[in-house]
Amino acid sequence: MAHIEPLSDDQLPDQLKPLLEMARGRMGFVPNSMRTMAIWPELLGAFGPLAGTVIGSGELERGLKQMIAAVVSGAAGCRYCQAHTTHGAAHGGGVAEEKIARVWEYQQSDLFSDAERAALDLALAAGQVPNAANDAHFAELKRHYSDRQIVEIVAVISMFGFLNRWNDTMATALEEEPAAFAKAAFAASDWEAGKHGA
């Protein structure tokens, strides 16, 4: 059960409704994490544009950004964000469900390119506490990505550092859409037992 009850649609501040409707349009629902942030309207007002920039713009494909977010969330142990990001990779990210189902096995799966593995290796290392990112990760990234693209990768990892802590600390309740997706995409018993992730 969530520690703080998310705001219902009729409780949401009017100035945030356009931002939340954009989230509904992109994701198919308004995340409970955003409903809780809306209790402090300035927080959600600042977070919304950051998330839109980090995930919705830039040179990297949105699907890769969602997979990076899934792996960093797995390393941090945030089940809420793992469900959201794998759902987002399929819905709006254009990633095939077979590939999403193998995201936790990206190092061995032939569905992933060397460039994707480099990005996901950094996400896995950076999501750990203490942070395990090192020079070798960046040397491998530089074989595949420009400095600008590496900054985008680190921005995704960093934004999900905030979201992983937010949702795990708040015990944010997972919405029906990403929960159903995660159970369908992964073995339901493994998902419910928490066997995905680092």
Protein backbone atom coordinates (compact mmCIF):
# COMPACT_ATOMS: atom_id res chain seq x y z
CA MET A 1 0.00 0.00 0.00
CA ALA A 2 1.29 3.44 -0.94
CA HIS A 3 2.57 5.57 1.95
CA ILE A 4 0.97 8.69 0.44
CA GLU A 5 -2.33 8.38 -1.45
CA PRO A 6 -2.02 9.64 -5.06
CA LEU A 7 -4.39 12.40 -6.12
CA SER A 8 -7.51 11.39 -8.04
CA ASP A 9 -8.40 13.13 -11.32
CA ASP A 10 -10.71 15.59 -9.58
CA GLN A 11 -8.03 16.48 -6.98
CA LEU A 12 -5.32 17.33 -9.52
CA PRO A 13 -4.38 21.02 -9.69
CA ASP A 14 -5.74 22.66 -12.84
CA GLN A 15 -2.32 23.95 -13.92
CA LEU A 16 -1.00 20.36 -14.06
CA LYS A 17 -3.87 18.83 -16.02
CA PRO A 18 -2.33 19.50 -19.50
CA LEU A 19 0.92 17.81 -18.40
CA LEU A 20 -0.94 14.84 -16.98
CA GLU A 21 -3.10 14.53 -20.09
CA MET A 22 0.10 14.41 -22.17
CA ALA A 23 1.27 11.54 -19.95
CA ARG A 24 -2.09 9.80 -20.43
CA GLY A 25 -1.82 10.25 -24.19
CA ARG A 26 1.73 8.88 -24.33
CA MET A 27 1.36 6.05 -21.81
CA GLY A 28 -2.37 5.29 -21.86
CA PHE A 29 -2.77 6.21 -18.17
CA VAL A 30 -1.59 8.79 -15.63
CA PRO A 31 1.14 7.21 -13.50
CA ASN A 32 0.55 7.07 -9.76
CA SER A 33 4.07 8.45 -9.31
CA MET A 34 3.00 11.66 -11.05
CA ARG A 35 -0.26 11.75 -9.11
CA THR A 36 1.77 11.69 -5.90
CA MET A 37 4.26 14.30 -7.13
CA ALA A 38 1.25 16.51 -7.94
CA ILE A 39 0.70 16.97 -4.21
CA TRP A 40 3.62 19.40 -4.54
CA PRO A 41 2.62 21.03 -7.87
CA GLU A 42 5.97 22.76 -8.42
CA LEU A 43 7.77 19.41 -8.17
CA LEU A 44 5.67 17.79 -10.88
CA GLY A 45 5.81 21.03 -12.88
CA ALA A 46 9.61 20.77 -12.90
CA PHE A 47 9.79 16.99 -13.33
CA GLY A 48 7.40 16.77 -16.30
CA PRO A 49 9.53 18.81 -18.73
CA LEU A 50 12.70 17.04 -17.55
CA ALA A 51 11.16 13.63 -18.24
CA GLY A 52 9.84 14.83 -21.59
CA THR A 53 13.29 16.03 -22.60
CA VAL A 54 15.19 12.98 -21.34
CA ILE A 55 12.86 10.34 -22.80
CA GLY A 56 11.04 12.20 -25.56
CA SER A 57 13.79 14.07 -27.38
CA GLY A 58 17.41 13.70 -28.41
CA GLU A 59 19.36 11.56 -30.84
CA LEU A 60 18.83 8.12 -29.30
CA GLU A 61 15.77 6.05 -30.09
CA ARG A 62 13.07 6.14 -27.45
CA GLY A 63 12.98 2.33 -27.31
CA LEU A 64 16.67 2.18 -26.37
CA LYS A 65 16.12 4.82 -23.70
CA GLN A 66 13.28 2.74 -22.24
CA MET A 67 15.47 -0.38 -22.20
CA ILE A 68 18.27 1.57 -20.47
CA ALA A 69 15.68 2.71 -17.93
CA ALA A 70 14.47 -0.87 -17.42
CA VAL A 71 17.98 -2.18 -16.76
CA VAL A 72 18.98 0.64 -14.39
CA SER A 73 15.67 0.13 -12.56
CA GLY A 74 16.40 -3.60 -12.36
CA ALA A 75 19.81 -2.88 -10.87
CA ALA A 76 18.19 -0.59 -8.31
CA GLY A 77 15.41 -3.11 -7.61
CA CYS A 78 12.50 -0.82 -8.53
CA ARG A 79 9.73 -3.10 -9.78
CA TYR A 80 7.40 -0.16 -10.46
CA CYS A 81 9.87 1.42 -12.89
CA GLN A 82 10.78 -1.93 -14.46
CA ALA A 83 7.13 -2.47 -15.37
CA HIS A 84 6.71 1.09 -16.63
CA THR A 85 9.83 1.09 -18.78
CA THR A 86 9.26 -2.29 -20.40
CA HIS A 87 5.66 -1.24 -21.09
CA GLY A 88 7.01 2.03 -22.53
CA ALA A 89 9.55 0.19 -24.70
CA ALA A 90 6.70 -1.66 -26.40
CA HIS A 91 4.09 1.12 -26.40
CA GLY A 92 5.69 4.14 -27.98
CA GLY A 93 9.23 2.78 -28.05
CA GLY A 94 8.74 0.38 -30.94
CA VAL A 95 10.67 -2.48 -29.30
CA ALA A 96 9.46 -6.00 -30.12
CA GLU A 97 7.98 -7.87 -27.16
CA GLU A 98 10.41 -10.77 -27.71
CA LYS A 99 13.33 -8.36 -27.25
CA ILE A 100 11.73 -6.80 -24.18
CA ALA A 101 11.26 -10.26 -22.66
CA ARG A 102 15.02 -10.80 -23.08
CA VAL A 103 16.15 -7.41 -21.75
CA TRP A 104 17.37 -9.06 -18.53
CA GLU A 105 19.52 -11.40 -20.70
CA TYR A 106 20.85 -8.66 -22.99
CA GLN A 107 24.49 -9.68 -22.49
CA GLN A 108 23.90 -13.14 -24.02
CA SER A 109 20.96 -12.54 -26.36
CA ASP A 110 21.64 -12.09 -30.07
CA LEU A 111 18.65 -9.73 -30.20
CA PHE A 112 20.90 -6.95 -28.84
CA SER A 113 23.64 -5.15 -30.74
CA ASP A 114 27.08 -4.40 -29.30
CA ALA A 115 26.05 -0.74 -29.05
CA GLU A 116 22.93 -1.63 -27.07
CA ARG A 117 24.96 -3.92 -24.80
CA ALA A 118 27.39 -1.07 -24.08
CA ALA A 119 24.55 1.23 -23.04
CA LEU A 120 22.84 -1.45 -20.97
CA ASP A 121 26.13 -2.44 -19.30
CA LEU A 122 26.52 1.14 -18.10
CA ALA A 123 22.91 1.18 -16.88
CA LEU A 124 23.43 -2.04 -14.93
CA ALA A 125 26.65 -0.75 -13.34
CA ALA A 126 25.37 2.75 -12.60
CA GLY A 127 22.17 1.50 -10.99
CA GLN A 128 24.07 -0.37 -8.29
CA VAL A 129 24.97 1.03 -4.89
CA PRO A 130 27.77 1.88 -4.77
CA ASN A 131 27.88 2.93 -8.40
CA ALA A 132 29.97 0.44 -10.39
CA ALA A 133 30.43 2.52 -13.58
CA ASN A 134 34.07 2.74 -14.62
CA ASP A 135 36.42 3.86 -17.39
CA ALA A 136 35.94 0.60 -19.33
CA HIS A 137 32.21 1.28 -19.65
CA PHE A 138 32.90 4.68 -21.17
CA ALA A 139 35.62 3.36 -23.46
CA GLU A 140 33.12 0.86 -24.86
CA LEU A 141 30.39 3.50 -25.14
CA LYS A 142 32.74 5.75 -27.14
CA ARG A 143 33.14 2.98 -29.72
CA HIS A 144 29.43 3.29 -30.54
CA TYR A 145 28.11 6.69 -29.45
CA SER A 146 28.96 10.38 -29.69
CA ASP A 147 29.55 12.43 -26.54
CA ARG A 148 26.05 13.89 -26.97
CA GLN A 149 24.52 10.40 -27.11
CA ILE A 150 26.49 9.31 -24.03
CA VAL A 151 25.14 12.34 -22.18
CA GLU A 152 21.63 11.19 -23.16
CA ILE A 153 22.34 7.68 -21.82
CA VAL A 154 23.59 9.08 -18.50
CA ALA A 155 20.60 11.44 -18.33
CA VAL A 156 18.21 8.47 -18.60
CA ILE A 157 20.14 6.58 -15.91
CA SER A 158 20.16 9.63 -13.64
CA MET A 159 16.49 10.49 -14.05
CA PHE A 160 15.57 6.91 -13.18
CA GLY A 161 17.81 7.13 -10.13
CA PHE A 162 15.32 9.72 -8.87
CA LEU A 163 12.28 7.70 -9.98
CA ASN A 164 13.60 4.44 -8.52
CA ARG A 165 14.10 6.07 -5.11
CA TRP A 166 10.80 7.94 -5.33
CA ASN A 167 8.67 4.91 -6.16
CA ASP A 168 10.38 2.43 -3.85
CA THR A 169 10.30 4.86 -0.94
CA MET A 170 6.69 5.90 -1.53
CA ALA A 171 5.63 2.26 -2.20
CA THR A 172 3.87 3.56 -5.33
CA ALA A 173 1.11 1.21 -6.46
CA LEU A 174 1.60 -0.17 -9.96
CA GLU A 175 -1.19 0.64 -12.40
CA GLU A 176 -3.14 -2.06 -14.19
CA GLU A 177 -1.72 -1.44 -17.71
CA PRO A 178 2.02 -1.86 -16.96
CA ALA A 179 1.31 -4.65 -14.45
CA ALA A 180 -0.63 -6.63 -17.06
CA PHE A 181 2.08 -5.99 -19.66
CA ALA A 182 4.87 -7.19 -17.35
CA LYS A 183 3.00 -10.36 -16.41
CA ALA A 184 2.31 -11.12 -20.09
CA ALA A 185 5.80 -10.24 -21.36
CA PHE A 186 7.66 -12.19 -18.69
CA ALA A 187 6.88 -15.49 -17.02
CA ALA A 188 4.09 -14.47 -14.63
CA SER A 189 5.51 -16.52 -11.77
CA ASP A 190 8.98 -15.02 -12.25
CA TRP A 191 7.58 -11.47 -12.42
CA GLU A 192 5.49 -11.92 -9.29
CA ALA A 193 8.44 -13.47 -7.45
CA GLY A 194 10.66 -10.56 -8.42
CA LYS A 195 13.20 -12.62 -10.39
CA HIS A 196 13.84 -10.01 -13.08
CA GLY A 197 16.51 -7.39 -12.76
CA ALA A 198 20.01 -7.40 -11.38
